[in-house]
Amino acid sequence: DHILLCTDGGLSYSSNSGKTYKNLNGAYLPITQFYGLGVSQFDGNITLGAQDNSLMTYVAANKKWKISINGDGYDAEYAQHQKGLLYGEYNFQTLQVSRNGEAPCNNNSGLNHNGENNPNKNLRCTKNGNVYFGGGYKINKLALHQTKWQALGPIPGMGNYLFAYDICEVNEDIMYAANIWNGATNTLLKSIDAGKTWQDISTNLSID
């Protein structure tokens, strides 16, 4: 009836033939792989996404970790304009929201996005209060005070799934996007009109 289980999230134990499991990692076996993190500029909280260990938050006020294990966690980002507003990405690119600045993120973000798993830095929250979430062949944008997401894409010339992107801090019309760099699909793109059109700027970039 007693089972010890090693996974990519560490060590788990069952005393009832696998009906339920208890995580045995504790403070002295911190085994996990982090994919993304966000830091709150308001209170110093840190939320991280971890493979098999979901989203976890370091609560700065009491110097303790808050861990709620529920599958894979990927990226996390805090809003820069509102205290306590946290966006968290779970497996299968499910984007959820927390309004107390801590994991778990249990509220629906309003974005129904079915794309390939992409455990990278997918989330961006800007000083203007806008939220960006990248995945598949496009970047999704939620403007301040809006409830409906806008799809910026599919990005032409991407050729493969979006691997990395960033938004200019001082001018959000300027964006950069890169795909998975393999084979003949190495692409680095730039937009100066908020994702309406894109230019390939990787022509003179040596990628191997």
Protein backbone atom coordinates (compact mmCIF):
# COMPACT_ATOMS: atom_id res chain seq x y z
CA ASP A 1 0.00 0.00 0.00
CA HIS A 2 2.99 2.28 0.43
CA ILE A 3 4.31 3.92 -2.72
CA LEU A 4 7.24 6.30 -3.24
CA LEU A 5 7.03 8.15 -6.54
CA CYS A 6 9.83 10.15 -8.21
CA THR A 7 8.73 12.65 -10.85
CA ASP A 8 10.04 15.84 -12.46
CA GLY A 9 8.56 17.59 -9.41
CA GLY A 10 10.54 15.66 -6.82
CA LEU A 11 9.45 12.96 -4.38
CA SER A 12 5.87 11.98 -3.44
CA TYR A 13 4.46 9.38 -1.05
CA SER A 14 1.20 7.43 -0.86
CA SER A 15 0.01 5.28 2.04
CA ASN A 16 -3.24 4.20 0.36
CA SER A 17 -2.22 2.40 -2.84
CA GLY A 18 -1.94 5.60 -4.86
CA LYS A 19 -5.38 7.09 -4.12
CA THR A 20 -3.72 10.23 -2.76
CA TYR A 21 -0.13 11.46 -2.63
CA LYS A 22 1.77 13.76 -0.30
CA ASN A 23 4.67 15.86 -1.54
CA LEU A 24 7.83 15.01 0.45
CA ASN A 25 10.15 17.67 -0.98
CA GLY A 26 9.88 19.95 2.06
CA ALA A 27 12.50 22.59 2.73
CA TYR A 28 15.49 20.32 2.20
CA LEU A 29 14.66 18.74 -1.14
CA PRO A 30 13.82 21.73 -3.38
CA ILE A 31 13.63 19.82 -6.67
CA THR A 32 11.87 21.64 -9.49
CA GLN A 33 12.42 23.39 -12.80
CA PHE A 34 11.26 27.00 -13.09
CA TYR A 35 9.97 28.36 -16.40
CA GLY A 36 9.02 31.96 -15.60
CA LEU A 37 8.61 34.42 -12.77
CA GLY A 38 7.12 37.80 -11.93
CA VAL A 39 7.92 40.31 -9.18
CA SER A 40 5.45 42.81 -7.71
CA GLN A 41 6.81 46.33 -7.51
CA PHE A 42 4.19 47.12 -4.85
CA ASP A 43 4.97 44.57 -2.13
CA GLY A 44 7.94 42.51 -3.34
CA ASN A 45 5.99 39.27 -3.78
CA ILE A 46 7.52 36.81 -6.24
CA THR A 47 5.49 34.23 -8.17
CA LEU A 48 7.14 31.48 -10.19
CA GLY A 49 5.89 28.79 -12.55
CA ALA A 50 7.42 25.37 -12.02
CA GLN A 51 7.31 22.11 -13.93
CA ASP A 52 4.93 19.72 -12.13
CA ASN A 53 4.84 22.08 -9.12
CA SER A 54 2.34 24.62 -10.47
CA LEU A 55 2.61 28.30 -9.48
CA MET A 56 4.14 29.25 -6.15
CA THR A 57 4.47 32.63 -4.43
CA TYR A 58 7.08 33.96 -2.05
CA VAL A 59 5.06 36.28 0.21
CA ALA A 60 7.49 39.03 1.16
CA ALA A 61 5.50 40.31 4.15
CA ASN A 62 5.92 37.10 6.16
CA LYS A 63 8.96 35.70 4.32
CA LYS A 64 7.21 32.40 3.53
CA TRP A 65 6.39 30.41 0.44
CA LYS A 66 2.79 29.71 -0.55
CA ILE A 67 2.64 26.54 -2.65
CA SER A 68 -0.45 25.02 -4.24
CA ILE A 69 0.59 22.09 -6.43
CA ASN A 70 -1.72 21.50 -9.38
CA GLY A 71 0.06 20.26 -12.48
CA ASP A 72 2.60 22.34 -14.42
CA GLY A 73 3.03 26.06 -13.94
CA TYR A 74 4.72 28.14 -16.61
CA ASP A 75 4.91 31.93 -16.48
CA ALA A 76 3.72 34.64 -14.07
CA GLU A 77 3.56 38.42 -14.29
CA TYR A 78 2.33 41.21 -11.99
CA ALA A 79 0.44 44.24 -13.25
CA GLN A 80 2.48 47.43 -13.02
CA HIS A 81 -0.53 49.70 -12.50
CA GLN A 82 -2.58 47.84 -9.86
CA LYS A 83 -1.48 46.17 -6.63
CA GLY A 84 -2.43 42.52 -6.23
CA LEU A 85 -3.24 41.84 -9.88
CA LEU A 86 -1.33 38.71 -10.94
CA TYR A 87 -1.51 36.76 -14.18
CA GLY A 88 -0.45 33.12 -14.09
CA GLU A 89 -0.04 30.57 -16.87
CA TYR A 90 -0.72 26.89 -16.30
CA ASN A 91 -0.19 23.89 -18.57
CA PHE A 92 -1.85 23.87 -21.99
CA GLN A 93 -1.50 27.68 -22.01
CA THR A 94 -4.35 28.28 -19.59
CA LEU A 95 -4.13 31.89 -18.42
CA GLN A 96 -5.65 32.65 -15.02
CA VAL A 97 -5.80 35.66 -12.68
CA SER A 98 -5.26 36.29 -8.97
CA ARG A 99 -6.37 39.52 -7.34
CA ASN A 100 -4.53 39.17 -4.03
CA GLY A 101 -1.06 38.97 -5.53
CA GLU A 102 -0.55 35.32 -4.60
CA ALA A 103 -0.89 31.90 -6.18
CA PRO A 104 -3.01 30.03 -6.97
CA CYS A 105 -4.58 32.01 -9.80
CA ASN A 106 -8.20 30.83 -9.74
CA ASN A 107 -10.01 33.51 -11.77
CA ASN A 108 -10.67 33.31 -15.50
CA SER A 109 -8.64 35.77 -17.58
CA GLY A 110 -11.19 35.82 -20.37
CA LEU A 111 -8.72 34.37 -22.87
CA ASN A 112 -9.58 31.03 -24.41
CA HIS A 113 -6.33 30.05 -26.04
CA ASN A 114 -5.65 26.58 -27.36
CA GLY A 115 -2.04 26.37 -28.41
CA GLU A 116 0.99 24.22 -27.99
CA ASN A 117 2.66 24.20 -24.59
CA ASN A 118 5.32 26.87 -24.58
CA PRO A 119 7.14 26.99 -21.24
CA ASN A 120 8.87 30.28 -21.86
CA LYS A 121 8.44 33.89 -20.78
CA ASN A 122 5.00 34.36 -22.37
CA LEU A 123 3.56 37.19 -20.26
CA ARG A 124 4.22 40.93 -20.30
CA CYS A 125 2.51 43.64 -18.22
CA THR A 126 3.39 47.19 -19.24
CA LYS A 127 3.40 50.49 -17.36
CA ASN A 128 0.35 51.54 -19.38
CA GLY A 129 -1.69 48.73 -17.83
CA ASN A 130 -1.77 46.53 -20.92
CA VAL A 131 -1.24 42.77 -20.76
CA TYR A 132 0.39 40.65 -23.46
CA PHE A 133 0.33 36.85 -23.71
CA GLY A 134 2.23 35.08 -26.47
CA GLY A 135 1.51 31.65 -27.84
CA GLY A 136 1.12 29.70 -31.05
CA TYR A 137 1.66 32.05 -33.99
CA LYS A 138 0.42 35.24 -32.34
CA ILE A 139 0.55 37.66 -29.42
CA ASN A 140 -2.67 38.34 -27.51
CA LYS A 141 -3.27 41.80 -25.99
CA LEU A 142 -5.65 42.94 -23.26
CA ALA A 143 -5.78 46.73 -23.17
CA LEU A 144 -6.33 48.64 -19.93
CA HIS A 145 -10.02 48.76 -18.84
CA GLN A 146 -10.98 46.30 -21.61
CA THR A 147 -12.44 42.82 -21.13
CA LYS A 148 -11.93 41.44 -24.63
CA TRP A 149 -8.55 40.21 -25.80
CA GLN A 150 -7.18 41.27 -29.19
CA ALA A 151 -5.15 38.82 -31.29
CA LEU A 152 -2.05 40.36 -32.88
CA GLY A 153 -1.45 37.76 -35.55
CA PRO A 154 -0.99 35.18 -36.89
CA ILE A 155 2.41 36.78 -37.35
CA PRO A 156 3.43 36.48 -41.02
CA GLY A 157 6.78 34.86 -41.68
CA MET A 158 6.91 33.21 -38.28
CA GLY A 159 7.16 29.75 -39.84
CA ASN A 160 7.15 28.08 -36.45
CA TYR A 161 5.68 28.64 -33.01
CA LEU A 162 6.44 31.91 -31.25
CA PHE A 163 9.34 31.23 -28.91
CA ALA A 164 10.17 34.68 -27.53
CA TYR A 165 8.94 38.24 -27.84
CA ASP A 166 9.18 41.61 -26.13
CA ILE A 167 7.43 44.98 -26.07
CA CYS A 168 9.25 48.32 -26.02
CA GLU A 169 8.83 50.02 -22.62
CA VAL A 170 8.55 53.57 -23.97
CA ASN A 171 6.64 52.82 -27.17
CA GLU A 172 4.37 49.77 -27.26
CA ASP A 173 4.01 50.05 -31.02
CA ILE A 174 7.51 48.56 -31.24
CA MET A 175 7.61 44.78 -30.80
CA TYR A 176 10.06 41.98 -31.45
CA ALA A 177 9.23 38.31 -32.00
CA ALA A 178 11.31 35.20 -32.63
CA ASN A 179 10.35 31.65 -33.50
CA ILE A 180 11.99 28.40 -32.47
CA TRP A 181 15.42 28.62 -34.08
CA ASN A 182 15.96 25.33 -35.86
CA GLY A 183 16.50 24.19 -39.39
CA ALA A 184 15.67 26.80 -42.03
CA THR A 185 13.06 28.67 -40.00
CA ASN A 186 15.31 31.01 -38.04
CA THR A 187 13.35 34.24 -37.87
CA LEU A 188 13.59 37.44 -35.86
CA LEU A 189 10.81 39.92 -36.62
CA LYS A 190 10.14 43.56 -35.72
CA SER A 191 6.89 45.54 -35.77
CA ILE A 192 6.61 49.34 -35.45
CA ASP A 193 2.79 49.49 -35.72
CA ALA A 194 1.68 47.40 -32.71
CA GLY A 195 1.74 44.09 -34.56
CA LYS A 196 -0.17 45.06 -37.69
CA THR A 197 2.84 44.43 -39.94
CA TRP A 198 6.17 42.75 -39.32
CA GLN A 199 9.62 43.00 -40.91
CA ASP A 200 12.20 40.21 -40.92
CA ILE A 201 15.36 41.68 -39.38
CA SER A 202 17.27 38.41 -39.16
CA THR A 203 18.72 38.64 -42.69
CA ASN A 204 22.18 39.68 -41.50
CA LEU A 205 22.02 37.71 -38.26
CA SER A 206 24.17 34.59 -38.13
CA ILE A 207 22.13 31.82 -36.48
CA ASP A 208 23.21 28.21 -36.24
